[in-house]
């Protein structure tokens, strides 16, 4: 089985500028999410805006760029929650890779799919934190941590992440690289007609 990667990235100066501006705005959105996460806790609950932003960016970008962005987002999540530096990145990077691969190969980009994938990412990262920071250390207050802190934080994040999705969708629509039908057709014309099971 042959696999081919079709590089339909920025090919003109205008596309390159749009790409740079888009990523700068993604970074700015991540910084704003980090700031809000650190300064505006709702009662005892700290929304995980950083994770929601990384999922939204992975929803619209490629595997490598999404993973690098998720790694930085994981570092910022650890700074916001006072956790071990790099711990969240261990779990967030493969989750965002999985998000990108699902969108590229199986599912459509819409709000419902984004919400359930963000929910799954939040559950995985919080279960990892619960296991390695509380269960293994035999914390007697695990039920309080789950019911009064983690679960409300996940629910609030899911409810507010719809706004993050709409912002990232708008940025991608306005600043995404436009690919013409001729460019796509030229890629397929270069493929040998005798090759089978080629992935684009």
N, C-alpha and C. Protein backbone atom coordinates (compact mmCIF):
# COMPACT_ATOMS: atom_id res chain seq x y z
N UNK A 1 0.85 -1.18 0.00
CA UNK A 1 0.00 0.00 0.00
C UNK A 1 0.89 1.24 0.00
N UNK A 2 0.59 2.16 -0.87
CA UNK A 2 1.36 3.40 -0.97
C UNK A 2 0.60 4.55 -0.34
N UNK A 3 1.32 5.39 0.39
CA UNK A 3 0.73 6.57 0.99
C UNK A 3 1.41 7.79 0.41
N UNK A 4 0.62 8.76 0.05
CA UNK A 4 1.18 9.99 -0.46
C UNK A 4 0.60 11.16 0.32
N UNK A 5 1.47 12.09 0.57
CA UNK A 5 1.04 13.30 1.27
C UNK A 5 0.91 14.40 0.23
N UNK A 6 -0.27 14.94 0.11
CA UNK A 6 -0.50 16.02 -0.83
C UNK A 6 -0.28 17.33 -0.12
N UNK A 7 0.71 18.07 -0.53
CA UNK A 7 1.03 19.34 0.12
C UNK A 7 0.29 20.45 -0.61
N UNK A 8 -0.81 20.86 -0.02
CA UNK A 8 -1.58 21.95 -0.60
C UNK A 8 -1.48 23.17 0.29
N UNK A 9 -0.27 23.48 0.72
CA UNK A 9 -0.05 24.59 1.63
C UNK A 9 0.01 25.92 0.89
N UNK A 10 0.58 26.91 1.57
CA UNK A 10 0.66 28.25 1.00
C UNK A 10 1.65 28.24 -0.16
N UNK A 11 1.21 28.65 -1.34
CA UNK A 11 2.06 28.63 -2.52
C UNK A 11 2.34 30.03 -3.04
N UNK A 12 1.63 31.02 -2.59
CA UNK A 12 1.87 32.39 -3.01
C UNK A 12 2.18 33.24 -1.79
N UNK A 13 2.68 34.44 -2.06
CA UNK A 13 3.00 35.35 -0.95
C UNK A 13 1.74 35.71 -0.16
N UNK A 14 0.64 35.90 -0.87
CA UNK A 14 -0.62 36.22 -0.18
C UNK A 14 -1.04 35.08 0.73
N UNK A 15 -0.93 33.84 0.24
CA UNK A 15 -1.30 32.69 1.06
C UNK A 15 -0.38 32.55 2.27
N UNK A 16 0.90 32.83 2.07
CA UNK A 16 1.85 32.75 3.18
C UNK A 16 1.53 33.79 4.25
N UNK A 17 1.19 34.99 3.83
CA UNK A 17 0.84 36.04 4.79
C UNK A 17 -0.43 35.67 5.54
N UNK A 18 -1.42 35.14 4.83
CA UNK A 18 -2.66 34.70 5.48
C UNK A 18 -2.38 33.61 6.51
N UNK A 19 -1.48 32.70 6.16
CA UNK A 19 -1.13 31.61 7.08
C UNK A 19 -0.46 32.14 8.34
N UNK A 20 0.48 33.06 8.17
CA UNK A 20 1.18 33.63 9.32
C UNK A 20 0.19 34.39 10.22
N UNK A 21 -0.66 35.21 9.61
CA UNK A 21 -1.65 35.97 10.39
C UNK A 21 -2.58 35.03 11.13
N UNK A 22 -2.99 33.95 10.47
CA UNK A 22 -3.89 32.99 11.11
C UNK A 22 -3.25 32.37 12.35
N UNK A 23 -1.98 31.97 12.23
CA UNK A 23 -1.32 31.35 13.37
C UNK A 23 -1.02 32.34 14.48
N UNK A 24 -0.75 33.57 14.12
CA UNK A 24 -0.58 34.61 15.15
C UNK A 24 -1.88 34.80 15.92
N UNK A 25 -3.00 34.79 15.22
CA UNK A 25 -4.29 34.94 15.90
C UNK A 25 -4.63 33.70 16.73
N UNK A 26 -4.24 32.52 16.25
CA UNK A 26 -4.41 31.32 17.07
C UNK A 26 -3.63 31.44 18.38
N UNK A 27 -2.38 31.90 18.27
CA UNK A 27 -1.55 32.08 19.47
C UNK A 27 -2.16 33.12 20.41
N UNK A 28 -2.69 34.19 19.83
CA UNK A 28 -3.33 35.22 20.65
C UNK A 28 -4.56 34.66 21.35
N UNK A 29 -5.33 33.84 20.64
CA UNK A 29 -6.51 33.21 21.25
C UNK A 29 -6.09 32.28 22.38
N UNK A 30 -4.99 31.57 22.21
CA UNK A 30 -4.49 30.69 23.27
C UNK A 30 -4.07 31.50 24.49
N UNK A 31 -3.42 32.63 24.27
CA UNK A 31 -2.99 33.49 25.39
C UNK A 31 -4.19 34.07 26.11
N UNK A 32 -5.20 34.49 25.35
CA UNK A 32 -6.42 35.01 25.98
C UNK A 32 -7.12 33.93 26.80
N UNK A 33 -7.20 32.71 26.23
CA UNK A 33 -7.80 31.60 26.97
C UNK A 33 -7.04 31.28 28.24
N UNK A 34 -5.71 31.32 28.16
CA UNK A 34 -4.87 31.08 29.34
C UNK A 34 -5.10 32.15 30.39
N UNK A 35 -5.19 33.41 29.95
CA UNK A 35 -5.40 34.51 30.90
C UNK A 35 -6.75 34.40 31.58
N UNK A 36 -7.79 34.12 30.80
CA UNK A 36 -9.12 33.96 31.39
C UNK A 36 -9.17 32.76 32.33
N UNK A 37 -8.49 31.69 31.95
CA UNK A 37 -8.48 30.50 32.79
C UNK A 37 -7.81 30.77 34.13
N UNK A 38 -6.80 31.62 34.13
CA UNK A 38 -6.07 31.91 35.36
C UNK A 38 -6.74 32.98 36.23
N UNK A 39 -7.46 33.90 35.59
CA UNK A 39 -7.96 35.06 36.34
C UNK A 39 -9.46 35.06 36.59
N UNK A 40 -10.20 34.24 35.84
CA UNK A 40 -11.65 34.26 36.00
C UNK A 40 -12.21 32.89 36.36
N UNK A 41 -11.80 32.32 37.48
CA UNK A 41 -12.42 31.06 37.88
C UNK A 41 -13.87 31.30 38.28
N UNK A 42 -14.74 30.38 37.91
CA UNK A 42 -16.16 30.48 38.24
C UNK A 42 -16.40 29.69 39.52
N UNK A 43 -16.63 30.41 40.61
CA UNK A 43 -16.76 29.80 41.93
C UNK A 43 -15.48 29.01 42.23
N UNK A 44 -15.54 27.70 42.41
CA UNK A 44 -14.34 26.89 42.62
C UNK A 44 -13.84 26.27 41.32
N UNK A 45 -14.55 26.52 40.25
CA UNK A 45 -14.29 25.78 39.02
C UNK A 45 -13.44 26.60 38.06
N UNK A 46 -12.46 25.95 37.51
CA UNK A 46 -11.54 26.60 36.59
C UNK A 46 -11.78 26.03 35.19
N UNK A 47 -12.38 26.80 34.30
CA UNK A 47 -12.60 26.30 32.94
C UNK A 47 -11.28 26.04 32.24
N UNK A 48 -11.25 25.00 31.44
CA UNK A 48 -10.04 24.61 30.74
C UNK A 48 -10.06 25.15 29.31
N UNK A 49 -9.99 26.48 29.19
CA UNK A 49 -10.05 27.11 27.87
C UNK A 49 -8.88 26.72 26.98
N UNK A 50 -7.73 26.49 27.57
CA UNK A 50 -6.53 26.16 26.80
C UNK A 50 -6.72 24.85 26.04
N UNK A 51 -7.30 23.86 26.70
CA UNK A 51 -7.56 22.58 26.04
C UNK A 51 -8.59 22.74 24.93
N UNK A 52 -9.62 23.53 25.18
CA UNK A 52 -10.65 23.75 24.16
C UNK A 52 -10.08 24.44 22.93
N UNK A 53 -9.18 25.41 23.13
CA UNK A 53 -8.55 26.10 21.99
C UNK A 53 -7.68 25.13 21.20
N UNK A 54 -6.91 24.30 21.88
CA UNK A 54 -6.04 23.36 21.17
C UNK A 54 -6.85 22.36 20.36
N UNK A 55 -7.98 21.91 20.89
CA UNK A 55 -8.85 21.00 20.13
C UNK A 55 -9.44 21.69 18.91
N UNK A 56 -9.84 22.95 19.06
CA UNK A 56 -10.42 23.68 17.94
C UNK A 56 -9.40 23.91 16.83
N UNK A 57 -8.17 24.24 17.20
CA UNK A 57 -7.12 24.44 16.19
C UNK A 57 -6.79 23.13 15.50
N UNK A 58 -6.70 22.03 16.26
CA UNK A 58 -6.44 20.73 15.66
C UNK A 58 -7.57 20.30 14.75
N UNK A 59 -8.77 20.79 15.01
CA UNK A 59 -9.94 20.48 14.21
C UNK A 59 -9.81 21.04 12.79
N UNK A 60 -9.05 22.13 12.64
CA UNK A 60 -8.94 22.80 11.34
C UNK A 60 -7.55 22.78 10.73
N UNK A 61 -6.55 22.32 11.45
CA UNK A 61 -5.18 22.34 10.93
C UNK A 61 -4.64 20.94 10.73
N UNK A 62 -3.41 20.84 10.24
CA UNK A 62 -2.79 19.56 9.96
C UNK A 62 -2.26 18.87 11.20
N UNK A 63 -1.78 17.63 10.99
CA UNK A 63 -1.34 16.81 12.11
C UNK A 63 -0.15 17.42 12.85
N UNK A 64 0.90 17.77 12.11
CA UNK A 64 2.11 18.27 12.76
C UNK A 64 1.87 19.61 13.45
N UNK A 65 1.25 20.54 12.74
CA UNK A 65 1.00 21.86 13.32
C UNK A 65 0.06 21.77 14.51
N UNK A 66 -0.96 20.91 14.41
CA UNK A 66 -1.88 20.73 15.53
C UNK A 66 -1.21 20.14 16.75
N UNK A 67 -0.27 19.19 16.53
CA UNK A 67 0.43 18.58 17.66
C UNK A 67 1.39 19.56 18.33
N UNK A 68 2.09 20.35 17.54
CA UNK A 68 3.00 21.35 18.12
C UNK A 68 2.20 22.37 18.93
N UNK A 69 1.08 22.81 18.37
CA UNK A 69 0.22 23.76 19.08
C UNK A 69 -0.31 23.13 20.37
N UNK A 70 -0.70 21.84 20.31
CA UNK A 70 -1.20 21.15 21.49
C UNK A 70 -0.12 21.01 22.56
N UNK A 71 1.13 20.81 22.14
CA UNK A 71 2.22 20.70 23.11
C UNK A 71 2.38 22.01 23.89
N UNK A 72 2.36 23.14 23.18
CA UNK A 72 2.45 24.43 23.87
C UNK A 72 1.22 24.66 24.75
N UNK A 73 0.05 24.26 24.24
CA UNK A 73 -1.17 24.41 25.04
C UNK A 73 -1.10 23.57 26.31
N UNK A 74 -0.52 22.37 26.21
CA UNK A 74 -0.36 21.54 27.40
C UNK A 74 0.56 22.17 28.43
N UNK A 75 1.65 22.81 27.96
CA UNK A 75 2.54 23.52 28.89
C UNK A 75 1.78 24.65 29.60
N UNK A 76 0.97 25.38 28.85
CA UNK A 76 0.22 26.49 29.44
C UNK A 76 -0.85 25.98 30.39
N UNK A 77 -1.45 24.84 30.08
CA UNK A 77 -2.43 24.24 31.00
C UNK A 77 -1.77 23.89 32.33
N UNK A 78 -0.56 23.34 32.26
CA UNK A 78 0.15 23.00 33.51
C UNK A 78 0.50 24.25 34.30
N UNK A 79 0.86 25.32 33.61
CA UNK A 79 1.13 26.58 34.31
C UNK A 79 -0.13 27.13 34.97
N UNK A 80 -1.26 26.99 34.29
CA UNK A 80 -2.52 27.53 34.82
C UNK A 80 -3.02 26.74 36.02
N UNK A 81 -2.79 25.42 36.00
CA UNK A 81 -3.32 24.59 37.08
C UNK A 81 -2.29 24.26 38.15
N UNK A 82 -1.04 24.71 37.95
CA UNK A 82 0.00 24.42 38.93
C UNK A 82 0.45 22.98 38.90
N UNK A 83 0.30 22.31 37.76
CA UNK A 83 0.70 20.92 37.65
C UNK A 83 2.15 20.77 37.22
N UNK A 84 2.59 19.52 37.12
CA UNK A 84 3.94 19.21 36.67
C UNK A 84 4.10 19.66 35.23
N UNK A 85 5.14 20.44 34.96
CA UNK A 85 5.32 21.04 33.64
C UNK A 85 5.51 19.95 32.58
N UNK A 86 4.64 19.92 31.60
CA UNK A 86 4.71 18.95 30.52
C UNK A 86 3.78 17.76 30.70
N UNK A 87 3.17 17.63 31.88
CA UNK A 87 2.31 16.47 32.13
C UNK A 87 1.10 16.46 31.20
N UNK A 88 0.43 17.59 31.06
CA UNK A 88 -0.78 17.64 30.22
C UNK A 88 -0.42 17.43 28.74
N UNK A 89 0.75 17.89 28.32
CA UNK A 89 1.15 17.72 26.93
C UNK A 89 1.25 16.25 26.54
N UNK A 90 1.64 15.40 27.50
CA UNK A 90 1.77 13.97 27.22
C UNK A 90 0.44 13.40 26.75
N UNK A 91 -0.65 13.90 27.29
CA UNK A 91 -1.97 13.38 26.94
C UNK A 91 -2.66 14.22 25.87
N UNK A 92 -2.38 15.51 25.86
CA UNK A 92 -3.07 16.40 24.94
C UNK A 92 -2.59 16.23 23.50
N UNK A 93 -1.30 15.99 23.30
CA UNK A 93 -0.76 15.86 21.94
C UNK A 93 -1.38 14.67 21.20
N UNK A 94 -1.40 13.45 21.76
CA UNK A 94 -2.04 12.36 21.02
C UNK A 94 -3.54 12.56 20.83
N UNK A 95 -4.20 13.21 21.79
CA UNK A 95 -5.63 13.48 21.63
C UNK A 95 -5.87 14.42 20.45
N UNK A 96 -5.07 15.47 20.34
CA UNK A 96 -5.24 16.40 19.23
C UNK A 96 -4.84 15.78 17.90
N UNK A 97 -3.85 14.89 17.91
CA UNK A 97 -3.51 14.14 16.70
C UNK A 97 -4.70 13.29 16.25
N UNK A 98 -5.35 12.64 17.21
CA UNK A 98 -6.52 11.82 16.91
C UNK A 98 -7.66 12.67 16.37
N UNK A 99 -7.84 13.86 16.93
CA UNK A 99 -8.87 14.79 16.44
C UNK A 99 -8.61 15.13 14.97
N UNK A 100 -7.38 15.48 14.64
CA UNK A 100 -7.05 15.85 13.27
C UNK A 100 -7.25 14.68 12.31
N UNK A 101 -6.80 13.49 12.71
CA UNK A 101 -6.94 12.33 11.84
C UNK A 101 -8.40 11.96 11.62
N UNK A 102 -9.22 12.11 12.64
CA UNK A 102 -10.65 11.83 12.48
C UNK A 102 -11.28 12.80 11.49
N UNK A 103 -10.94 14.08 11.63
CA UNK A 103 -11.53 15.10 10.75
C UNK A 103 -11.07 14.89 9.31
N UNK A 104 -9.80 14.55 9.13
CA UNK A 104 -9.26 14.39 7.78
C UNK A 104 -9.85 13.16 7.10
N UNK A 105 -10.07 12.08 7.85
CA UNK A 105 -10.41 10.81 7.22
C UNK A 105 -11.85 10.35 7.41
N UNK A 106 -12.53 10.74 8.48
CA UNK A 106 -13.81 10.10 8.77
C UNK A 106 -15.00 11.04 8.95
N UNK A 107 -14.83 12.14 9.64
CA UNK A 107 -16.00 12.93 10.04
C UNK A 107 -15.95 14.33 9.44
N UNK A 108 -17.08 15.01 9.54
CA UNK A 108 -17.20 16.37 9.02
C UNK A 108 -16.88 17.38 10.11
N UNK A 109 -16.50 18.56 9.66
CA UNK A 109 -16.25 19.65 10.61
C UNK A 109 -17.58 20.32 10.93
N UNK A 110 -18.07 20.10 12.13
CA UNK A 110 -19.25 20.80 12.61
C UNK A 110 -19.19 20.90 14.13
N UNK A 111 -20.10 21.65 14.69
CA UNK A 111 -20.05 21.93 16.13
C UNK A 111 -20.25 20.67 16.96
N UNK A 112 -21.16 19.80 16.54
CA UNK A 112 -21.44 18.58 17.32
C UNK A 112 -20.20 17.71 17.42
N UNK A 113 -19.53 17.49 16.29
CA UNK A 113 -18.32 16.66 16.32
C UNK A 113 -17.23 17.32 17.15
N UNK A 114 -17.12 18.64 17.06
CA UNK A 114 -16.12 19.33 17.87
C UNK A 114 -16.41 19.16 19.36
N UNK A 115 -17.67 19.28 19.74
CA UNK A 115 -18.03 19.19 21.16
C UNK A 115 -17.74 17.81 21.74
N UNK A 116 -18.09 16.76 20.98
CA UNK A 116 -17.85 15.43 21.57
C UNK A 116 -16.36 15.10 21.59
N UNK A 117 -15.60 15.59 20.63
CA UNK A 117 -14.16 15.34 20.66
C UNK A 117 -13.47 16.16 21.75
N UNK A 118 -13.94 17.37 21.97
CA UNK A 118 -13.41 18.17 23.08
C UNK A 118 -13.76 17.52 24.41
N UNK A 119 -14.98 17.01 24.52
CA UNK A 119 -15.39 16.31 25.74
C UNK A 119 -14.49 15.10 26.00
N UNK A 120 -14.23 14.32 24.96
CA UNK A 120 -13.36 13.14 25.11
C UNK A 120 -11.95 13.56 25.53
N UNK A 121 -11.43 14.63 24.94
CA UNK A 121 -10.10 15.10 25.29
C UNK A 121 -10.05 15.57 26.74
N UNK A 122 -11.07 16.31 27.16
CA UNK A 122 -11.13 16.77 28.55
C UNK A 122 -11.20 15.59 29.52
N UNK A 123 -12.01 14.60 29.19
CA UNK A 123 -12.15 13.43 30.07
C UNK A 123 -10.81 12.68 30.19
N UNK A 124 -10.13 12.50 29.05
CA UNK A 124 -8.86 11.77 29.08
C UNK A 124 -7.81 12.52 29.90
N UNK A 125 -7.69 13.82 29.67
CA UNK A 125 -6.67 14.59 30.40
C UNK A 125 -6.99 14.67 31.89
N UNK A 126 -8.27 14.79 32.23
CA UNK A 126 -8.63 14.88 33.65
C UNK A 126 -8.53 13.53 34.35
N UNK A 127 -8.84 12.45 33.63
CA UNK A 127 -8.66 11.12 34.23
C UNK A 127 -7.19 10.83 34.47
N UNK A 128 -6.33 11.26 33.55
CA UNK A 128 -4.89 11.08 33.76
C UNK A 128 -4.42 11.88 34.97
N UNK A 129 -4.91 13.11 35.09
CA UNK A 129 -4.54 13.92 36.25
C UNK A 129 -5.05 13.30 37.54
N UNK A 130 -6.28 12.80 37.51
CA UNK A 130 -6.86 12.17 38.70
C UNK A 130 -6.05 10.93 39.10
N UNK A 131 -5.68 10.13 38.11
CA UNK A 131 -4.95 8.89 38.41
C UNK A 131 -3.57 9.17 38.98
N UNK A 132 -2.80 10.02 38.30
CA UNK A 132 -1.40 10.19 38.68
C UNK A 132 -1.19 11.19 39.81
N UNK A 133 -2.17 12.07 40.05
CA UNK A 133 -1.99 13.07 41.10
C UNK A 133 -2.77 12.76 42.38
N UNK A 134 -3.79 11.88 42.27
CA UNK A 134 -4.62 11.65 43.45
C UNK A 134 -4.78 10.17 43.79
N UNK A 135 -5.13 9.35 42.79
CA UNK A 135 -5.39 7.94 43.09
C UNK A 135 -4.11 7.22 43.53
N UNK A 136 -3.03 7.43 42.79
CA UNK A 136 -1.78 6.74 43.14
C UNK A 136 -1.22 7.21 44.48
N UNK A 137 -1.56 8.42 44.88
CA UNK A 137 -1.10 8.94 46.17
C UNK A 137 -2.14 8.71 47.28
N UNK A 138 -3.20 7.99 46.94
CA UNK A 138 -4.23 7.60 47.90
C UNK A 138 -4.83 8.80 48.62
N UNK A 139 -5.20 9.78 47.84
CA UNK A 139 -5.85 10.96 48.40
C UNK A 139 -7.24 10.56 48.90
N UNK A 140 -7.56 10.83 50.16
CA UNK A 140 -8.87 10.40 50.70
C UNK A 140 -10.04 11.25 50.19
N UNK A 141 -9.77 12.35 49.53
CA UNK A 141 -10.84 13.26 49.10
C UNK A 141 -11.09 13.20 47.59
N UNK A 142 -10.93 12.01 47.00
CA UNK A 142 -11.10 11.88 45.55
C UNK A 142 -12.52 12.21 45.12
N UNK A 143 -13.50 11.79 45.90
CA UNK A 143 -14.90 12.07 45.52
C UNK A 143 -15.18 13.57 45.53
N UNK A 144 -14.61 14.30 46.47
CA UNK A 144 -14.78 15.76 46.51
C UNK A 144 -14.10 16.41 45.31
N UNK A 145 -12.91 15.94 44.97
CA UNK A 145 -12.18 16.49 43.83
C UNK A 145 -12.97 16.29 42.54
N UNK A 146 -13.55 15.11 42.38
CA UNK A 146 -14.29 14.81 41.15
C UNK A 146 -15.58 15.62 41.08
N UNK A 147 -16.37 15.60 42.14
CA UNK A 147 -17.72 16.19 42.09
C UNK A 147 -17.71 17.70 42.25
N UNK A 148 -16.78 18.25 43.00
CA UNK A 148 -16.82 19.69 43.27
C UNK A 148 -15.84 20.50 42.42
N UNK A 149 -14.88 19.83 41.80
CA UNK A 149 -13.89 20.58 41.02
C UNK A 149 -13.82 20.12 39.56
N UNK A 150 -13.47 18.86 39.35
CA UNK A 150 -13.22 18.39 37.98
C UNK A 150 -14.47 18.37 37.12
N UNK A 151 -15.52 17.72 37.60
CA UNK A 151 -16.73 17.58 36.80
C UNK A 151 -17.37 18.92 36.45
N UNK A 152 -17.55 19.84 37.40
CA UNK A 152 -18.08 21.16 37.02
C UNK A 152 -17.19 21.91 36.05
N UNK A 153 -15.86 21.78 36.20
CA UNK A 153 -14.94 22.46 35.29
C UNK A 153 -15.07 21.93 33.88
N UNK A 154 -15.20 20.62 33.74
CA UNK A 154 -15.37 20.01 32.41
C UNK A 154 -16.68 20.47 31.79
N UNK A 155 -17.76 20.48 32.57
CA UNK A 155 -19.07 20.88 32.03
C UNK A 155 -19.05 22.34 31.58
N UNK A 156 -18.48 23.22 32.39
CA UNK A 156 -18.40 24.64 32.01
C UNK A 156 -17.55 24.82 30.76
N UNK A 157 -16.45 24.09 30.68
CA UNK A 157 -15.59 24.19 29.50
C UNK A 157 -16.33 23.76 28.25
N UNK A 158 -17.08 22.68 28.32
CA UNK A 158 -17.83 22.20 27.16
C UNK A 158 -18.87 23.23 26.72
N UNK A 159 -19.56 23.84 27.68
CA UNK A 159 -20.58 24.83 27.35
C UNK A 159 -19.97 26.07 26.70
N UNK A 160 -18.81 26.51 27.20
CA UNK A 160 -18.19 27.72 26.67
C UNK A 160 -17.31 27.48 25.45
N UNK A 161 -17.00 26.20 25.17
CA UNK A 161 -16.11 25.91 24.05
C UNK A 161 -16.78 26.11 22.70
N UNK A 162 -18.10 26.17 22.67
CA UNK A 162 -18.80 26.44 21.41
C UNK A 162 -18.38 27.80 20.85
N UNK A 163 -18.19 28.78 21.72
CA UNK A 163 -17.73 30.10 21.28
C UNK A 163 -16.31 30.03 20.70
N UNK A 164 -15.46 29.25 21.35
CA UNK A 164 -14.09 29.08 20.85
C UNK A 164 -14.11 28.44 19.47
N UNK A 165 -14.96 27.44 19.29
CA UNK A 165 -15.07 26.78 17.98
C UNK A 165 -15.49 27.77 16.91
N UNK A 166 -16.46 28.62 17.21
CA UNK A 166 -16.93 29.59 16.22
C UNK A 166 -15.85 30.60 15.86
N UNK A 167 -15.04 30.99 16.84
CA UNK A 167 -13.94 31.93 16.57
C UNK A 167 -12.90 31.29 15.66
N UNK A 168 -12.50 30.06 15.97
CA UNK A 168 -11.48 29.37 15.16
C UNK A 168 -12.04 29.08 13.76
N UNK A 169 -13.29 28.73 13.68
CA UNK A 169 -13.91 28.50 12.37
C UNK A 169 -13.91 29.77 11.53
N UNK A 170 -14.21 30.90 12.16
CA UNK A 170 -14.20 32.18 11.45
C UNK A 170 -12.79 32.52 10.96
N UNK A 171 -11.79 32.34 11.83
CA UNK A 171 -10.41 32.62 11.44
C UNK A 171 -9.97 31.74 10.28
N UNK A 172 -10.34 30.47 10.34
CA UNK A 172 -9.94 29.55 9.28
C UNK A 172 -10.66 29.87 7.97
N UNK A 173 -11.89 30.31 8.06
CA UNK A 173 -12.64 30.66 6.85
C UNK A 173 -12.08 31.91 6.20
N UNK A 174 -11.74 32.91 7.00
CA UNK A 174 -11.25 34.17 6.46
C UNK A 174 -9.78 34.13 6.06
N UNK A 175 -8.97 33.34 6.79
CA UNK A 175 -7.53 33.36 6.58
C UNK A 175 -6.96 32.03 6.10
N UNK A 176 -7.84 31.06 5.83
CA UNK A 176 -7.35 29.78 5.34
C UNK A 176 -6.83 29.89 3.92
N UNK A 177 -5.95 28.96 3.56
CA UNK A 177 -5.39 28.94 2.21
C UNK A 177 -6.41 28.33 1.27
N UNK A 178 -6.75 29.08 0.26
CA UNK A 178 -7.72 28.62 -0.71
C UNK A 178 -7.03 27.79 -1.78
N UNK A 179 -7.59 26.61 -2.07
CA UNK A 179 -7.01 25.71 -3.07
C UNK A 179 -7.99 25.62 -4.24
N UNK A 180 -7.50 25.90 -5.42
CA UNK A 180 -8.37 25.86 -6.59
C UNK A 180 -8.55 24.43 -7.08
N UNK A 181 -9.58 24.21 -7.88
CA UNK A 181 -9.85 22.88 -8.43
C UNK A 181 -8.72 22.43 -9.35
N UNK A 182 -8.08 23.36 -10.04
CA UNK A 182 -6.99 23.00 -10.94
C UNK A 182 -5.80 22.43 -10.17
N UNK A 183 -5.51 23.00 -8.97
CA UNK A 183 -4.40 22.50 -8.16
C UNK A 183 -4.69 21.09 -7.65
N UNK A 184 -5.92 20.86 -7.24
CA UNK A 184 -6.29 19.53 -6.77
C UNK A 184 -6.22 18.53 -7.91
N UNK A 185 -6.73 18.93 -9.09
CA UNK A 185 -6.71 18.03 -10.23
C UNK A 185 -5.32 17.69 -10.69
N UNK A 186 -4.39 18.64 -10.60
CA UNK A 186 -3.01 18.37 -11.01
C UNK A 186 -2.34 17.34 -10.12
N UNK A 187 -2.73 17.30 -8.86
CA UNK A 187 -2.18 16.31 -7.95
C UNK A 187 -2.61 14.92 -8.36
N UNK A 188 -3.89 14.77 -8.69
CA UNK A 188 -4.40 13.45 -9.06
C UNK A 188 -3.91 13.02 -10.43
N UNK A 189 -3.60 13.95 -11.30
CA UNK A 189 -3.09 13.58 -12.62
C UNK A 189 -1.68 13.02 -12.53
N UNK A 190 -0.94 13.38 -11.47
CA UNK A 190 0.42 12.90 -11.29
C UNK A 190 0.49 11.48 -10.76
N UNK A 191 -0.64 10.93 -10.35
CA UNK A 191 -0.65 9.59 -9.77
C UNK A 191 -0.72 8.56 -10.88
N UNK A 192 0.06 7.52 -10.73
CA UNK A 192 0.05 6.44 -11.71
C UNK A 192 -1.29 5.71 -11.63
N UNK A 193 -1.92 5.52 -12.76
CA UNK A 193 -3.24 4.90 -12.78
C UNK A 193 -3.20 3.45 -12.35
N UNK A 194 -2.01 2.81 -12.38
CA UNK A 194 -1.91 1.41 -12.00
C UNK A 194 -1.72 1.22 -10.50
N UNK A 195 -1.47 2.31 -9.77
CA UNK A 195 -1.31 2.19 -8.32
C UNK A 195 -2.66 2.08 -7.66
N UNK A 196 -2.75 1.18 -6.72
CA UNK A 196 -3.99 0.96 -6.00
C UNK A 196 -3.83 1.36 -4.54
N UNK A 197 -4.96 1.72 -3.95
CA UNK A 197 -5.01 2.04 -2.52
C UNK A 197 -4.04 3.16 -2.16
N UNK A 198 -4.09 4.22 -2.90
CA UNK A 198 -3.26 5.37 -2.62
C UNK A 198 -4.06 6.34 -1.78
N UNK A 199 -3.49 6.79 -0.66
CA UNK A 199 -4.19 7.70 0.24
C UNK A 199 -3.73 9.12 -0.02
N UNK A 200 -4.71 10.05 -0.18
CA UNK A 200 -4.38 11.44 -0.43
C UNK A 200 -4.70 12.27 0.78
